[in-house]
Amino acid sequence: MSESEAEPTPEPPSREELKKAMKAFRKRLKVTRLDDESRLGYGPMSGGGKSSVIAITPPNQYSRAVWDELVKQGRLRYLGQGIFELADE
């Protein structure tokens, strides 16, 4: 028996799990952007400014297979080194 026959094919992530992962990704991206904007130099008296954060490391409570599936569906883009961004931005 070869190794490929011994390993069962992993089941793709469920639709519900993908939905929760996208929600978690968007929330982490939003919090990261707010954190970046809250530093000195972006205040109302200093002319303000927008965050330049466009990509993040996704939440680690979801497996890599979930993020790969979202990339395959075109909802996220993989930029390399574990960094992802929203595909629609």
PDB file of N, CA and C in Angstrom:
ATOM      1  N   MET A   1       0.841  -1.172   0.000  1.00  0.00           N
ATOM      2  CA  MET A   1       0.000   0.000   0.000  1.00  0.00           C
ATOM      3  C   MET A   1       0.893   1.245   0.000  1.00  0.00           C
ATOM      4  N   SER A   2       0.683   2.135  -0.943  1.00  0.00           N
ATOM      5  CA  SER A   2       1.493   3.346  -1.014  1.00  0.00           C
ATOM      6  C   SER A   2       0.966   4.386  -0.033  1.00  0.00           C
ATOM      7  N   GLU A   3       1.762   5.428   0.180  1.00  0.00           N
ATOM      8  CA  GLU A   3       1.366   6.476   1.128  1.00  0.00           C
ATOM      9  C   GLU A   3       0.126   7.223   0.662  1.00  0.00           C
ATOM     10  N   SER A   4      -0.033   7.421  -0.633  1.00  0.00           N
ATOM     11  CA  SER A   4      -1.188   8.166  -1.136  1.00  0.00           C
ATOM     12  C   SER A   4      -2.490   7.408  -0.905  1.00  0.00           C
ATOM     13  N   GLU A   5      -2.425   6.081  -0.875  1.00  0.00           N
ATOM     14  CA  GLU A   5      -3.624   5.293  -0.615  1.00  0.00           C
ATOM     15  C   GLU A   5      -3.977   5.285   0.867  1.00  0.00           C
ATOM     16  N   ALA A   6      -2.991   5.431   1.738  1.00  0.00           N
ATOM     17  CA  ALA A   6      -3.215   5.377   3.177  1.00  0.00           C
ATOM     18  C   ALA A   6      -3.848   6.671   3.698  1.00  0.00           C
ATOM     19  N   GLU A   7      -3.558   7.797   3.057  1.00  0.00           N
ATOM     20  CA  GLU A   7      -4.081   9.080   3.526  1.00  0.00           C
ATOM     21  C   GLU A   7      -5.425   9.374   2.869  1.00  0.00           C
ATOM     22  N   PRO A   8      -6.453   9.585   3.676  1.00  0.00           N
ATOM     23  CA  PRO A   8      -7.735   9.952   3.082  1.00  0.00           C
ATOM     24  C   PRO A   8      -7.678  11.386   2.550  1.00  0.00           C
ATOM     25  N   THR A   9      -8.440  11.655   1.521  1.00  0.00           N
ATOM     26  CA  THR A   9      -8.491  12.996   0.961  1.00  0.00           C
ATOM     27  C   THR A   9      -9.182  13.923   1.956  1.00  0.00           C
ATOM     28  N   PRO A  10      -8.561  15.048   2.297  1.00  0.00           N
ATOM     29  CA  PRO A  10      -9.187  15.950   3.263  1.00  0.00           C
ATOM     30  C   PRO A  10     -10.491  16.525   2.697  1.00  0.00           C
ATOM     31  N   GLU A  11     -11.467  16.622   3.569  1.00  0.00           N
ATOM     32  CA  GLU A  11     -12.769  17.155   3.170  1.00  0.00           C
ATOM     33  C   GLU A  11     -12.660  18.665   3.014  1.00  0.00           C
ATOM     34  N   PRO A  12     -13.226  19.227   1.942  1.00  0.00           N
ATOM     35  CA  PRO A  12     -13.155  20.686   1.781  1.00  0.00           C
ATOM     36  C   PRO A  12     -13.945  21.383   2.887  1.00  0.00           C
ATOM     37  N   PRO A  13     -13.560  22.614   3.215  1.00  0.00           N
ATOM     38  CA  PRO A  13     -14.259  23.344   4.278  1.00  0.00           C
ATOM     39  C   PRO A  13     -15.733  23.563   3.921  1.00  0.00           C
ATOM     40  N   SER A  14     -16.575  23.553   4.933  1.00  0.00           N
ATOM     41  CA  SER A  14     -18.012  23.757   4.707  1.00  0.00           C
ATOM     42  C   SER A  14     -18.283  25.217   4.360  1.00  0.00           C
ATOM     43  N   ARG A  15     -19.427  25.439   3.773  1.00  0.00           N
ATOM     44  CA  ARG A  15     -19.824  26.801   3.381  1.00  0.00           C
ATOM     45  C   ARG A  15     -19.931  27.698   4.617  1.00  0.00           C
ATOM     46  N   GLU A  16     -20.464  27.133   5.707  1.00  0.00           N
ATOM     47  CA  GLU A  16     -20.600  27.889   6.957  1.00  0.00           C
ATOM     48  C   GLU A  16     -19.233  28.276   7.523  1.00  0.00           C
ATOM     49  N   GLU A  17     -18.272  27.347   7.462  1.00  0.00           N
ATOM     50  CA  GLU A  17     -16.931  27.634   7.955  1.00  0.00           C
ATOM     51  C   GLU A  17     -16.265  28.724   7.109  1.00  0.00           C
ATOM     52  N   LEU A  18     -16.467  28.687   5.796  1.00  0.00           N
ATOM     53  CA  LEU A  18     -15.908  29.727   4.922  1.00  0.00           C
ATOM     54  C   LEU A  18     -16.517  31.087   5.236  1.00  0.00           C
ATOM     55  N   LYS A  19     -17.805  31.098   5.496  1.00  0.00           N
ATOM     56  CA  LYS A  19     -18.496  32.350   5.817  1.00  0.00           C
ATOM     57  C   LYS A  19     -17.962  32.947   7.126  1.00  0.00           C
ATOM     58  N   LYS A  20     -17.788  32.094   8.138  1.00  0.00           N
ATOM     59  CA  LYS A  20     -17.252  32.562   9.421  1.00  0.00           C
ATOM     60  C   LYS A  20     -15.814  33.046   9.273  1.00  0.00           C
ATOM     61  N   ALA A  21     -15.029  32.358   8.460  1.00  0.00           N
ATOM     62  CA  ALA A  21     -13.634  32.745   8.248  1.00  0.00           C
ATOM     63  C   ALA A  21     -13.549  34.112   7.559  1.00  0.00           C
ATOM     64  N   MET A  22     -14.401  34.349   6.572  1.00  0.00           N
ATOM     65  CA  MET A  22     -14.400  35.658   5.891  1.00  0.00           C
ATOM     66  C   MET A  22     -14.794  36.769   6.854  1.00  0.00           C
ATOM     67  N   LYS A  23     -15.770  36.495   7.703  1.00  0.00           N
ATOM     68  CA  LYS A  23     -16.202  37.495   8.689  1.00  0.00           C
ATOM     69  C   LYS A  23     -15.055  37.807   9.648  1.00  0.00           C
ATOM     70  N   ALA A  24     -14.357  36.773  10.114  1.00  0.00           N
ATOM     71  CA  ALA A  24     -13.224  36.963  11.015  1.00  0.00           C
ATOM     72  C   ALA A  24     -12.095  37.727  10.319  1.00  0.00           C
ATOM     73  N   PHE A  25     -11.858  37.420   9.036  1.00  0.00           N
ATOM     74  CA  PHE A  25     -10.811  38.108   8.281  1.00  0.00           C
ATOM     75  C   PHE A  25     -11.141  39.600   8.158  1.00  0.00           C
ATOM     76  N   ARG A  26     -12.381  39.908   7.778  1.00  0.00           N
ATOM     77  CA  ARG A  26     -12.781  41.317   7.621  1.00  0.00           C
ATOM     78  C   ARG A  26     -12.679  42.072   8.944  1.00  0.00           C
ATOM     79  N   LYS A  27     -13.072  41.412  10.042  1.00  0.00           N
ATOM     80  CA  LYS A  27     -13.012  42.061  11.348  1.00  0.00           C
ATOM     81  C   LYS A  27     -11.566  42.344  11.740  1.00  0.00           C
ATOM     82  N   ARG A  28     -10.667  41.368  11.531  1.00  0.00           N
ATOM     83  CA  ARG A  28      -9.261  41.587  11.872  1.00  0.00           C
ATOM     84  C   ARG A  28      -8.660  42.686  11.002  1.00  0.00           C
ATOM     85  N   LEU A  29      -9.012  42.732   9.728  1.00  0.00           N
ATOM     86  CA  LEU A  29      -8.517  43.774   8.835  1.00  0.00           C
ATOM     87  C   LEU A  29      -8.991  45.146   9.310  1.00  0.00           C
ATOM     88  N   LYS A  30     -10.266  45.236   9.701  1.00  0.00           N
ATOM     89  CA  LYS A  30     -10.824  46.499  10.182  1.00  0.00           C
ATOM     90  C   LYS A  30     -10.117  46.959  11.457  1.00  0.00           C
ATOM     91  N   VAL A  31      -9.926  46.051  12.399  1.00  0.00           N
ATOM     92  CA  VAL A  31      -9.254  46.390  13.655  1.00  0.00           C
ATOM     93  C   VAL A  31      -7.809  46.803  13.395  1.00  0.00           C
ATOM     94  N   THR A  32      -7.140  46.117  12.492  1.00  0.00           N
ATOM     95  CA  THR A  32      -5.754  46.455  12.158  1.00  0.00           C
ATOM     96  C   THR A  32      -5.676  47.846  11.546  1.00  0.00           C
ATOM     97  N   ARG A  33      -6.607  48.166  10.668  1.00  0.00           N
ATOM     98  CA  ARG A  33      -6.635  49.501  10.064  1.00  0.00           C
ATOM     99  C   ARG A  33      -6.919  50.579  11.107  1.00  0.00           C
ATOM    100  N   LEU A  34      -7.888  50.322  12.006  1.00  0.00           N
ATOM    101  CA  LEU A  34      -8.197  51.296  13.062  1.00  0.00           C
ATOM    102  C   LEU A  34      -6.994  51.509  13.972  1.00  0.00           C
ATOM    103  N   ASP A  35      -6.278  50.448  14.278  1.00  0.00           N
ATOM    104  CA  ASP A  35      -5.081  50.552  15.106  1.00  0.00           C
ATOM    105  C   ASP A  35      -4.023  51.396  14.407  1.00  0.00           C
ATOM    106  N   ASP A  36      -3.861  51.201  13.112  1.00  0.00           N
ATOM    107  CA  ASP A  36      -2.887  51.974  12.343  1.00  0.00           C
ATOM    108  C   ASP A  36      -3.280  53.452  12.298  1.00  0.00           C
ATOM    109  N   GLU A  37      -4.559  53.733  12.142  1.00  0.00           N
ATOM    110  CA  GLU A  37      -5.021  55.117  12.067  1.00  0.00           C
ATOM    111  C   GLU A  37      -4.965  55.827  13.414  1.00  0.00           C
ATOM    112  N   SER A  38      -4.943  55.091  14.519  1.00  0.00           N
ATOM    113  CA  SER A  38      -4.975  55.714  15.832  1.00  0.00           C
ATOM    114  C   SER A  38      -3.604  56.199  16.301  1.00  0.00           C
ATOM    115  N   ARG A  39      -2.556  55.910  15.547  1.00  0.00           N
ATOM    116  CA  ARG A  39      -1.227  56.359  15.973  1.00  0.00           C
ATOM    117  C   ARG A  39      -1.067  57.858  15.719  1.00  0.00           C
ATOM    118  N   LEU A  40      -0.049  58.427  16.308  1.00  0.00           N
ATOM    119  CA  LEU A  40       0.202  59.862  16.152  1.00  0.00           C
ATOM    120  C   LEU A  40       0.427  60.214  14.687  1.00  0.00           C
ATOM    121  N   GLY A  41      -0.070  61.356  14.304  1.00  0.00           N
ATOM    122  CA  GLY A  41       0.101  61.811  12.935  1.00  0.00           C
ATOM    123  C   GLY A  41      -1.160  61.674  12.107  1.00  0.00           C
ATOM    124  N   TYR A  42      -2.151  60.955  12.628  1.00  0.00           N
ATOM    125  CA  TYR A  42      -3.412  60.802  11.908  1.00  0.00           C
ATOM    126  C   TYR A  42      -4.556  61.533  12.606  1.00  0.00           C
ATOM    127  N   GLY A  43      -4.261  62.311  13.608  1.00  0.00           N
ATOM    128  CA  GLY A  43      -5.300  62.978  14.393  1.00  0.00           C
ATOM    129  C   GLY A  43      -5.994  64.082  13.615  1.00  0.00           C
ATOM    130  N   PRO A  44      -7.140  64.559  14.134  1.00  0.00           N
ATOM    131  CA  PRO A  44      -7.888  65.607  13.446  1.00  0.00           C
ATOM    132  C   PRO A  44      -7.133  66.935  13.356  1.00  0.00           C
ATOM    133  N   MET A  45      -6.221  67.173  14.283  1.00  0.00           N
ATOM    134  CA  MET A  45      -5.465  68.420  14.270  1.00  0.00           C
ATOM    135  C   MET A  45      -4.212  68.315  13.395  1.00  0.00           C
ATOM    136  N   SER A  46      -3.875  67.134  12.961  1.00  0.00           N
ATOM    137  CA  SER A  46      -2.655  66.973  12.171  1.00  0.00           C
ATOM    138  C   SER A  46      -2.949  66.724  10.695  1.00  0.00           C
ATOM    139  N   GLY A  47      -4.171  66.929  10.276  1.00  0.00           N
ATOM    140  CA  GLY A  47      -4.501  66.736   8.872  1.00  0.00           C
ATOM    141  C   GLY A  47      -5.087  65.372   8.581  1.00  0.00           C
ATOM    142  N   GLY A  48      -5.109  64.529   9.584  1.00  0.00           N
ATOM    143  CA  GLY A  48      -5.725  63.215   9.415  1.00  0.00           C
ATOM    144  C   GLY A  48      -4.929  62.321   8.489  1.00  0.00           C
ATOM    145  N   GLY A  49      -5.557  61.267   8.069  1.00  0.00           N
ATOM    146  CA  GLY A  49      -4.912  60.330   7.175  1.00  0.00           C
ATOM    147  C   GLY A  49      -5.628  59.007   7.196  1.00  0.00           C
ATOM    148  N   LYS A  50      -5.466  58.274   6.153  1.00  0.00           N
ATOM    149  CA  LYS A  50      -6.064  56.944   6.052  1.00  0.00           C
ATOM    150  C   LYS A  50      -4.990  55.901   6.273  1.00  0.00           C
ATOM    151  N   SER A  51      -5.432  54.760   6.742  1.00  0.00           N
ATOM    152  CA  SER A  51      -4.516  53.646   6.939  1.00  0.00           C
ATOM    153  C   SER A  51      -4.071  53.113   5.587  1.00  0.00           C
ATOM    154  N   SER A  52      -2.834  52.687   5.527  1.00  0.00           N
ATOM    155  CA  SER A  52      -2.317  52.104   4.285  1.00  0.00           C
ATOM    156  C   SER A  52      -2.307  50.579   4.356  1.00  0.00           C
ATOM    157  N   VAL A  53      -2.917  50.014   5.401  1.00  0.00           N
ATOM    158  CA  VAL A  53      -2.960  48.555   5.563  1.00  0.00           C
ATOM    159  C   VAL A  53      -3.949  47.982   4.557  1.00  0.00           C
ATOM    160  N   ILE A  54      -3.470  47.096   3.689  1.00  0.00           N
ATOM    161  CA  ILE A  54      -4.354  46.472   2.706  1.00  0.00           C
ATOM    162  C   ILE A  54      -4.374  44.958   2.828  1.00  0.00           C
ATOM    163  N   ALA A  55      -3.387  44.395   3.545  1.00  0.00           N
ATOM    164  CA  ALA A  55      -3.289  42.943   3.664  1.00  0.00           C
ATOM    165  C   ALA A  55      -2.849  42.577   5.071  1.00  0.00           C
ATOM    166  N   ILE A  56      -3.279  41.386   5.518  1.00  0.00           N
ATOM    167  CA  ILE A  56      -2.960  40.928   6.867  1.00  0.00           C
ATOM    168  C   ILE A  56      -2.700  39.426   6.870  1.00  0.00           C
ATOM    169  N   THR A  57      -2.174  38.944   7.981  1.00  0.00           N
ATOM    170  CA  THR A  57      -2.102  37.514   8.237  1.00  0.00           C
ATOM    171  C   THR A  57      -3.475  37.109   8.761  1.00  0.00           C
ATOM    172  N   PRO A  58      -4.105  36.113   8.179  1.00  0.00           N
ATOM    173  CA  PRO A  58      -5.463  35.754   8.599  1.00  0.00           C
ATOM    174  C   PRO A  58      -5.497  35.156   9.998  1.00  0.00           C
ATOM    175  N   PRO A  59      -6.680  35.193  10.638  1.00  0.00           N
ATOM    176  CA  PRO A  59      -6.817  34.593  11.970  1.00  0.00           C
ATOM    177  C   PRO A  59      -6.397  33.121  11.957  1.00  0.00           C
ATOM    178  N   ASN A  60      -5.679  32.702  12.985  1.00  0.00           N
ATOM    179  CA  ASN A  60      -5.130  31.349  12.995  1.00  0.00           C
ATOM    180  C   ASN A  60      -6.088  30.294  13.536  1.00  0.00           C
ATOM    181  N   GLN A  61      -7.320  30.658  13.888  1.00  0.00           N
ATOM    182  CA  GLN A  61      -8.247  29.626  14.354  1.00  0.00           C
ATOM    183  C   GLN A  61      -8.846  28.837  13.193  1.00  0.00           C
ATOM    184  N   TYR A  62      -8.549  29.252  11.970  1.00  0.00           N
ATOM    185  CA  TYR A  62      -8.994  28.523  10.775  1.00  0.00           C
ATOM    186  C   TYR A  62      -7.773  27.940  10.076  1.00  0.00           C
ATOM    187  N   SER A  63      -7.958  26.780   9.490  1.00  0.00           N
ATOM    188  CA  SER A  63      -6.835  26.090   8.853  1.00  0.00           C
ATOM    189  C   SER A  63      -6.435  26.762   7.540  1.00  0.00           C
ATOM    190  N   ARG A  64      -5.271  26.413   7.077  1.00  0.00           N
ATOM    191  CA  ARG A  64      -4.764  26.954   5.809  1.00  0.00           C
ATOM    192  C   ARG A  64      -5.673  26.542   4.646  1.00  0.00           C
ATOM    193  N   ALA A  65      -6.314  25.368   4.761  1.00  0.00           N
ATOM    194  CA  ALA A  65      -7.215  24.894   3.701  1.00  0.00           C
ATOM    195  C   ALA A  65      -8.395  25.848   3.505  1.00  0.00           C
ATOM    196  N   VAL A  66      -8.858  26.464   4.583  1.00  0.00           N
ATOM    197  CA  VAL A  66      -9.968  27.427   4.494  1.00  0.00           C
ATOM    198  C   VAL A  66      -9.526  28.638   3.685  1.00  0.00           C
ATOM    199  N   TRP A  67      -8.354  29.167   3.994  1.00  0.00           N
ATOM    200  CA  TRP A  67      -7.861  30.357   3.284  1.00  0.00           C
ATOM    201  C   TRP A  67      -7.550  30.036   1.830  1.00  0.00           C
ATOM    202  N   ASP A  68      -7.016  28.850   1.565  1.00  0.00           N
ATOM    203  CA  ASP A  68      -6.748  28.441   0.186  1.00  0.00           C
ATOM    204  C   ASP A  68      -8.045  28.320  -0.611  1.00  0.00           C
ATOM    205  N   GLU A  69      -9.089  27.815   0.024  1.00  0.00           N
ATOM    206  CA  GLU A  69     -10.390  27.696  -0.656  1.00  0.00           C
ATOM    207  C   GLU A  69     -10.967  29.074  -0.964  1.00  0.00           C
ATOM    208  N   LEU A  70     -10.820  30.025  -0.056  1.00  0.00           N
ATOM    209  CA  LEU A  70     -11.310  31.386  -0.303  1.00  0.00           C
ATOM    210  C   LEU A  70     -10.532  32.058  -1.434  1.00  0.00           C
ATOM    211  N   VAL A  71      -9.249  31.748  -1.547  1.00  0.00           N
ATOM    212  CA  VAL A  71      -8.442  32.252  -2.671  1.00  0.00           C
ATOM    213  C   VAL A  71      -8.944  31.630  -3.965  1.00  0.00           C
ATOM    214  N   LYS A  72      -9.200  30.322  -3.926  1.00  0.00           N
ATOM    215  CA  LYS A  72      -9.685  29.615  -5.119  1.00  0.00           C
ATOM    216  C   LYS A  72     -11.042  30.170  -5.571  1.00  0.00           C
ATOM    217  N   GLN A  73     -11.878  30.572  -4.612  1.00  0.00           N
ATOM    218  CA  GLN A  73     -13.190  31.144  -4.940  1.00  0.00           C
ATOM    219  C   GLN A  73     -13.083  32.598  -5.411  1.00  0.00           C
ATOM    220  N   GLY A  74     -11.920  33.214  -5.265  1.00  0.00           N
ATOM    221  CA  GLY A  74     -11.722  34.584  -5.713  1.00  0.00           C
ATOM    222  C   GLY A  74     -12.132  35.630  -4.701  1.00  0.00           C
ATOM    223  N   ARG A  75     -12.324  35.250  -3.452  1.00  0.00           N
ATOM    224  CA  ARG A  75     -12.731  36.194  -2.415  1.00  0.00           C
ATOM    225  C   ARG A  75     -11.535  36.838  -1.724  1.00  0.00           C
ATOM    226  N   LEU A  76     -10.392  36.149  -1.743  1.00  0.00           N
ATOM    227  CA  LEU A  76      -9.141  36.672  -1.187  1.00  0.00           C
ATOM    228  C   LEU A  76      -8.037  36.503  -2.210  1.00  0.00           C
ATOM    229  N   ARG A  77      -6.970  37.278  -2.045  1.00  0.00           N
ATOM    230  CA  ARG A  77      -5.769  37.132  -2.856  1.00  0.00           C
ATOM    231  C   ARG A  77      -4.609  36.803  -1.936  1.00  0.00           C
ATOM    232  N   TYR A  78      -3.807  35.827  -2.328  1.00  0.00           N
ATOM    233  CA  TYR A  78      -2.620  35.458  -1.558  1.00  0.00           C
ATOM    234  C   TYR A  78      -1.447  36.268  -2.078  1.00  0.00           C
ATOM    235  N   LEU A  79      -0.788  36.997  -1.179  1.00  0.00           N
ATOM    236  CA  LEU A  79       0.324  37.852  -1.578  1.00  0.00           C
ATOM    237  C   LEU A  79       1.681  37.234  -1.286  1.00  0.00           C
ATOM    238  N   GLY A  80       1.698  36.111  -0.590  1.00  0.00           N
ATOM    239  CA  GLY A  80       2.956  35.460  -0.248  1.00  0.00           C
ATOM    240  C   GLY A  80       3.270  35.615   1.221  1.00  0.00           C
ATOM    241  N   GLN A  81       4.067  34.715   1.738  1.00  0.00           N
ATOM    242  CA  GLN A  81       4.530  34.715   3.124  1.00  0.00           C
ATOM    243  C   GLN A  81       3.383  34.753   4.130  1.00  0.00           C
ATOM    244  N   GLY A  82       2.250  34.112   3.803  1.00  0.00           N
ATOM    245  CA  GLY A  82       1.121  34.026   4.727  1.00  0.00           C
ATOM    246  C   GLY A  82       0.255  35.271   4.806  1.00  0.00           C
ATOM    247  N   ILE A  83       0.405  36.185   3.853  1.00  0.00           N
ATOM    248  CA  ILE A  83      -0.341  37.442   3.852  1.00  0.00           C
ATOM    249  C   ILE A  83      -1.445  37.356   2.785  1.00  0.00           C
ATOM    250  N   PHE A  84      -2.658  37.790   3.176  1.00  0.00           N
ATOM    251  CA  PHE A  84      -3.802  37.786   2.278  1.00  0.00           C
ATOM    252  C   PHE A  84      -4.432  39.164   2.254  1.00  0.00           C
ATOM    253  N   GLU A  85      -5.132  39.484   1.139  1.00  0.00           N
ATOM    254  CA  GLU A  85      -5.902  40.720   1.049  1.00  0.00           C
ATOM    255  C   GLU A  85      -7.250  40.392   0.438  1.00  0.00           C
ATOM    256  N   LEU A  86      -8.222  41.292   0.650  1.00  0.00           N
ATOM    257  CA  LEU A  86      -9.528  41.124   0.062  1.00  0.00           C
ATOM    258  C   LEU A  86      -9.401  41.291  -1.459  1.00  0.00           C
ATOM    259  N   ALA A  87     -10.077  40.462  -2.200  1.00  0.00           N
ATOM    260  CA  ALA A  87      -9.979  40.508  -3.661  1.00  0.00           C
ATOM    261  C   ALA A  87     -10.718  41.698  -4.241  1.00  0.00           C
ATOM    262  N   ASP A  88     -11.734  42.197  -3.555  1.00  0.00           N
ATOM    263  CA  ASP A  88     -12.545  43.284  -4.111  1.00  0.00           C
ATOM    264  C   ASP A  88     -12.007  44.680  -3.785  1.00  0.00           C
ATOM    265  N   GLU A  89     -10.826  44.766  -3.203  1.00  0.00           N
ATOM    266  CA  GLU A  89     -10.253  46.087  -2.902  1.00  0.00           C
ATOM    267  C   GLU A  89      -9.076  46.375  -3.786  1.00  0.00           C
TER     268      GLU A  89
END
